[in-house]
N, C-alpha and C. Protein backbone atom coordinates (compact mmCIF):
# COMPACT_ATOMS: atom_id res chain seq x y z
N MET A 1 0.66 -1.30 0.04
CA MET A 1 0.22 -0.03 -0.02
C MET A 1 0.85 1.21 0.15
N ILE A 2 0.45 2.49 -0.91
CA ILE A 2 1.52 3.41 -0.83
C ILE A 2 0.15 4.42 -0.28
N ILE A 3 0.90 5.10 0.53
CA ILE A 3 -0.19 6.31 1.40
C ILE A 3 0.48 7.76 1.48
N THR A 4 -0.25 8.59 0.55
CA THR A 4 0.06 9.72 0.00
C THR A 4 -0.90 10.55 1.12
N LYS A 5 -0.18 11.88 0.85
CA LYS A 5 -0.97 12.95 1.85
C LYS A 5 -2.21 13.67 1.17
N SER A 6 -2.23 14.01 -0.23
CA SER A 6 -3.16 14.02 -1.28
C SER A 6 -2.20 13.85 -3.11
N VAL A 7 -3.89 13.97 -3.79
CA VAL A 7 -3.44 13.32 -5.02
C VAL A 7 -2.37 14.78 -5.64
N SER A 8 -2.29 15.82 -5.16
CA SER A 8 -1.78 17.01 -5.73
C SER A 8 -0.31 16.50 -5.35
N ARG A 9 -0.05 15.70 -4.13
CA ARG A 9 1.34 15.40 -3.62
C ARG A 9 2.02 14.49 -4.69
N PHE A 10 0.76 13.18 -4.99
CA PHE A 10 1.13 12.31 -5.92
C PHE A 10 1.49 12.36 -7.52
N GLY A 11 1.16 13.37 -7.78
CA GLY A 11 1.13 14.20 -9.16
C GLY A 11 -0.11 15.10 -9.63
N ARG A 12 0.93 16.12 -10.49
CA ARG A 12 0.05 17.22 -10.82
C ARG A 12 -0.18 16.83 -12.45
N ASN A 13 0.07 16.32 -12.85
CA ASN A 13 -0.31 15.93 -14.28
C ASN A 13 -1.43 14.92 -14.00
N THR A 14 -2.35 15.40 -14.89
CA THR A 14 -3.78 14.33 -14.55
C THR A 14 -3.23 13.31 -15.19
N LEU A 15 -2.80 13.17 -16.56
CA LEU A 15 -2.63 12.24 -17.17
C LEU A 15 -1.25 10.88 -16.62
N ASP A 16 -0.52 11.85 -16.33
CA ASP A 16 1.05 11.05 -15.68
C ASP A 16 0.48 10.13 -14.09
N ALA A 17 -0.46 10.99 -13.31
CA ALA A 17 -0.94 10.37 -12.13
C ALA A 17 -2.04 8.74 -12.46
N LEU A 18 -3.06 9.22 -13.88
CA LEU A 18 -3.83 7.94 -13.70
C LEU A 18 -2.87 6.94 -14.36
N ASN A 19 -2.19 7.03 -14.92
CA ASN A 19 -1.19 6.27 -15.36
C ASN A 19 -0.39 5.37 -14.62
N CYS A 20 0.13 6.21 -13.41
CA CYS A 20 0.51 5.38 -12.03
C CYS A 20 -0.15 4.58 -11.68
N ILE A 21 -1.53 5.23 -11.32
CA ILE A 21 -2.53 4.75 -10.45
C ILE A 21 -2.68 2.99 -11.24
N ARG A 22 -3.19 3.18 -12.53
CA ARG A 22 -3.09 1.77 -13.19
C ARG A 22 -1.93 1.24 -13.10
N GLU A 23 -1.01 1.27 -13.23
CA GLU A 23 0.34 0.63 -13.13
C GLU A 23 0.03 -0.30 -11.71
N LEU A 24 0.04 0.91 -10.89
CA LEU A 24 0.16 0.08 -9.31
C LEU A 24 -1.04 -1.14 -8.92
N ARG A 25 -2.36 -0.24 -9.52
CA ARG A 25 -3.36 -1.44 -9.53
C ARG A 25 -3.01 -2.56 -10.24
N ALA A 26 -2.50 -2.51 -11.50
CA ALA A 26 -2.39 -3.95 -12.11
C ALA A 26 -1.36 -4.83 -11.26
N LEU A 27 -0.34 -4.04 -10.33
CA LEU A 27 0.67 -5.10 -9.91
C LEU A 27 0.03 -5.59 -8.34
N GLY A 28 -1.27 -4.77 -8.09
CA GLY A 28 -1.73 -5.48 -6.89
C GLY A 28 -1.82 -4.43 -5.50
N VAL A 29 -0.95 -3.21 -5.90
CA VAL A 29 -0.54 -2.15 -4.82
C VAL A 29 -1.84 -0.94 -4.86
N ASP A 30 -2.14 -1.18 -3.48
CA ASP A 30 -3.58 0.10 -3.14
C ASP A 30 -2.47 1.09 -2.82
N VAL A 31 -3.35 2.16 -3.48
CA VAL A 31 -2.91 3.96 -3.17
C VAL A 31 -4.01 4.32 -2.06
N TYR A 32 -3.77 4.97 -1.52
CA TYR A 32 -4.73 5.81 -0.23
C TYR A 32 -4.39 7.05 -0.12
N PHE A 33 -5.25 7.95 -0.62
CA PHE A 33 -4.84 9.59 -0.56
C PHE A 33 -5.60 10.13 1.01
N GLU A 34 -4.84 10.28 1.83
CA GLU A 34 -5.39 10.80 3.11
C GLU A 34 -6.57 12.26 3.09
N LYS A 35 -6.02 12.77 2.27
CA LYS A 35 -6.73 14.29 2.43
C LYS A 35 -8.04 13.87 1.48
N GLU A 36 -8.15 13.17 0.48
CA GLU A 36 -9.51 12.56 -0.15
C GLU A 36 -10.16 11.90 0.75
N ASN A 37 -9.58 10.96 1.62
CA ASN A 37 -9.72 9.56 2.28
C ASN A 37 -10.43 8.91 0.98
N VAL A 38 -9.67 8.19 -0.02
CA VAL A 38 -9.89 7.45 -1.11
C VAL A 38 -9.08 6.32 -1.20
N HIS A 39 -9.38 4.89 -1.31
CA HIS A 39 -8.55 3.79 -1.87
C HIS A 39 -8.89 3.77 -3.49
N PHE A 40 -7.44 3.62 -4.11
CA PHE A 40 -7.96 3.49 -5.76
C PHE A 40 -7.45 1.84 -5.88
N THR A 41 -7.72 1.22 -5.33
CA THR A 41 -7.93 -0.10 -5.95
C THR A 41 -9.01 -0.54 -6.98
N ARG A 42 -9.94 0.12 -7.03
CA ARG A 42 -11.25 0.04 -7.53
C ARG A 42 -11.22 1.10 -8.72
N SER A 43 -12.07 0.88 -9.83
CA SER A 43 -12.11 1.68 -11.07
C SER A 43 -12.82 2.69 -10.69
N GLU A 44 -13.89 2.71 -9.89
CA GLU A 44 -14.48 3.98 -9.92
C GLU A 44 -13.75 4.89 -8.71
N GLY A 45 -12.51 4.62 -8.27
CA GLY A 45 -11.69 5.66 -8.06
C GLY A 45 -11.24 6.64 -9.07
N GLU A 46 -11.12 6.26 -10.26
CA GLU A 46 -10.43 7.13 -11.18
C GLU A 46 -11.21 8.56 -11.33
N VAL A 47 -12.42 8.27 -11.43
CA VAL A 47 -13.08 9.53 -11.84
C VAL A 47 -12.78 10.47 -10.90
N LEU A 48 -12.90 10.27 -9.55
CA LEU A 48 -12.31 11.04 -8.47
C LEU A 48 -11.19 11.46 -8.69
N LEU A 49 -10.44 10.87 -8.90
CA LEU A 49 -8.74 11.21 -9.28
C LEU A 49 -8.58 11.84 -10.56
N MET A 50 -9.27 11.69 -11.61
CA MET A 50 -9.48 12.43 -12.75
C MET A 50 -9.57 13.88 -12.23
N LEU A 51 -10.82 14.30 -11.45
CA LEU A 51 -11.10 15.79 -10.99
C LEU A 51 -9.96 15.83 -10.18
N THR A 52 -9.67 15.31 -9.37
CA THR A 52 -9.22 16.22 -7.75
C THR A 52 -7.40 16.37 -8.74
N SER A 53 -7.05 15.55 -9.48
CA SER A 53 -5.72 15.58 -9.86
C SER A 53 -5.49 16.92 -11.46
N ALA A 54 -6.98 17.15 -11.93
CA ALA A 54 -7.06 18.09 -12.87
C ALA A 54 -7.12 19.49 -12.14
N MET A 55 -7.44 19.47 -11.14
CA MET A 55 -7.62 20.57 -10.08
C MET A 55 -6.65 20.99 -9.61
N ALA A 56 -5.74 20.00 -8.77
CA ALA A 56 -4.14 20.21 -8.87
C ALA A 56 -3.46 20.76 -10.08
N GLN A 57 -3.46 20.14 -11.07
CA GLN A 57 -3.17 20.63 -11.97
C GLN A 57 -3.28 21.71 -12.38
N ASN A 58 -4.24 22.46 -12.63
CA ASN A 58 -4.89 23.87 -12.72
C ASN A 58 -4.02 24.67 -11.81
N GLU A 59 -4.21 24.19 -10.59
CA GLU A 59 -3.57 25.20 -9.37
C GLU A 59 -2.46 25.39 -9.44
N SER A 60 -1.54 24.40 -10.23
CA SER A 60 -0.19 24.50 -10.13
C SER A 60 0.62 25.39 -11.24
N MET A 61 -0.30 25.24 -12.42
CA MET A 61 -0.41 26.18 -13.09
C MET A 61 -0.68 27.70 -13.11
N LEU A 62 -1.64 28.08 -12.46
CA LEU A 62 -1.72 29.66 -11.88
C LEU A 62 -1.23 29.84 -11.12
N LEU A 63 -0.57 28.92 -10.29
CA LEU A 63 0.66 29.34 -9.27
C LEU A 63 1.74 29.67 -10.19
N SER A 64 2.19 29.30 -11.19
CA SER A 64 3.50 28.98 -11.91
C SER A 64 3.23 30.93 -12.59
N GLY A 65 2.13 30.80 -13.44
CA GLY A 65 1.71 31.88 -13.91
C GLY A 65 1.54 33.02 -13.03
N ASN A 66 1.06 32.89 -11.92
CA ASN A 66 1.58 34.44 -11.12
C ASN A 66 2.95 34.56 -10.19
N VAL A 67 3.74 33.79 -10.01
CA VAL A 67 4.97 33.83 -9.85
C VAL A 67 6.06 34.46 -11.09
N LYS A 68 5.87 34.06 -12.32
CA LYS A 68 6.44 34.58 -13.73
C LYS A 68 5.94 35.91 -13.68
N TRP A 69 4.71 36.17 -13.81
CA TRP A 69 3.88 37.76 -13.51
C TRP A 69 4.79 38.29 -12.51
N SER A 70 4.86 37.93 -11.64
CA SER A 70 5.51 39.06 -10.31
C SER A 70 6.98 38.96 -10.64
N ILE A 71 7.58 38.27 -11.42
CA ILE A 71 9.19 37.99 -11.57
C ILE A 71 9.15 39.44 -12.62
N ARG A 72 8.20 39.13 -13.91
CA ARG A 72 8.57 40.04 -14.90
C ARG A 72 7.98 41.59 -14.79
N ARG A 73 7.23 41.98 -13.37
CA ARG A 73 7.09 43.09 -12.99
C ARG A 73 8.26 43.87 -12.11
N ARG A 74 8.76 43.00 -11.12
CA ARG A 74 10.31 43.28 -10.63
C ARG A 74 11.06 43.99 -11.91
N TYR A 75 11.51 43.21 -12.58
CA TYR A 75 12.34 43.41 -14.22
C TYR A 75 11.88 44.78 -14.41
N GLU A 76 10.64 45.04 -14.76
CA GLU A 76 9.97 46.17 -15.08
C GLU A 76 10.52 47.23 -14.30
N ARG A 77 10.48 47.03 -13.03
CA ARG A 77 10.49 48.28 -12.32
C ARG A 77 12.07 48.20 -12.02
N GLY A 78 13.12 47.33 -12.41
CA GLY A 78 14.14 47.79 -12.16
C GLY A 78 15.16 46.92 -10.92
N MET A 79 13.85 46.22 -10.54
CA MET A 79 14.58 45.19 -9.46
C MET A 79 14.91 43.74 -9.66
N ILE A 80 15.90 43.83 -10.50
CA ILE A 80 16.63 42.65 -11.25
C ILE A 80 17.32 41.78 -9.91
N ARG A 81 17.90 41.88 -8.87
CA ARG A 81 18.10 40.69 -8.09
C ARG A 81 16.99 40.08 -7.72
N SER A 82 15.75 40.05 -8.12
CA SER A 82 14.93 38.94 -7.46
C SER A 82 15.44 37.39 -7.49
N ILE A 83 16.28 37.16 -8.46
CA ILE A 83 17.16 36.01 -8.86
C ILE A 83 18.61 36.17 -8.54
N SER A 84 18.94 35.70 -7.16
CA SER A 84 20.20 36.09 -6.85
C SER A 84 21.27 34.94 -8.02
N SER A 85 22.30 35.71 -8.45
CA SER A 85 23.11 35.55 -9.59
C SER A 85 24.18 34.24 -9.08
N GLY A 86 24.11 33.45 -9.52
CA GLY A 86 24.72 31.98 -9.10
C GLY A 86 24.37 31.09 -8.34
N LYS A 87 22.88 31.87 -7.50
CA LYS A 87 22.13 30.92 -6.91
C LYS A 87 20.81 30.14 -7.28
N PHE A 88 20.92 30.75 -8.93
CA PHE A 88 19.36 29.54 -9.22
C PHE A 88 20.03 28.49 -10.06
N LEU A 89 21.25 28.48 -10.21
CA LEU A 89 21.85 27.01 -10.73
C LEU A 89 22.21 26.11 -9.62
N GLY A 90 22.18 26.44 -8.02
CA GLY A 90 22.44 25.50 -7.23
C GLY A 90 24.19 25.45 -7.15
N TYR A 91 25.10 26.55 -7.40
CA TYR A 91 26.24 26.63 -7.08
C TYR A 91 26.68 27.58 -6.30
N ASP A 92 27.45 27.58 -5.43
CA ASP A 92 28.39 28.45 -4.44
C ASP A 92 29.02 29.21 -4.95
């Protein structure tokens, strides 16, 4: 059994999450999502997974858009130090 906090933690891409659940179910592995309180050993859980995963994917895309918009506005105002050089690649 795989226990996950929520569908959004399992996967933010609806198609990938659904394919993973199907593969795990074929192997006899139960997936339980605590927040939604759902086991996905049965096929009727797929509809709920598709809905919640689509919402998580949309939320992730909106958040990404907001961050990009914020960075663009900072650059327009001349605040170019929003990303410290050298740090964004993971090097010291």
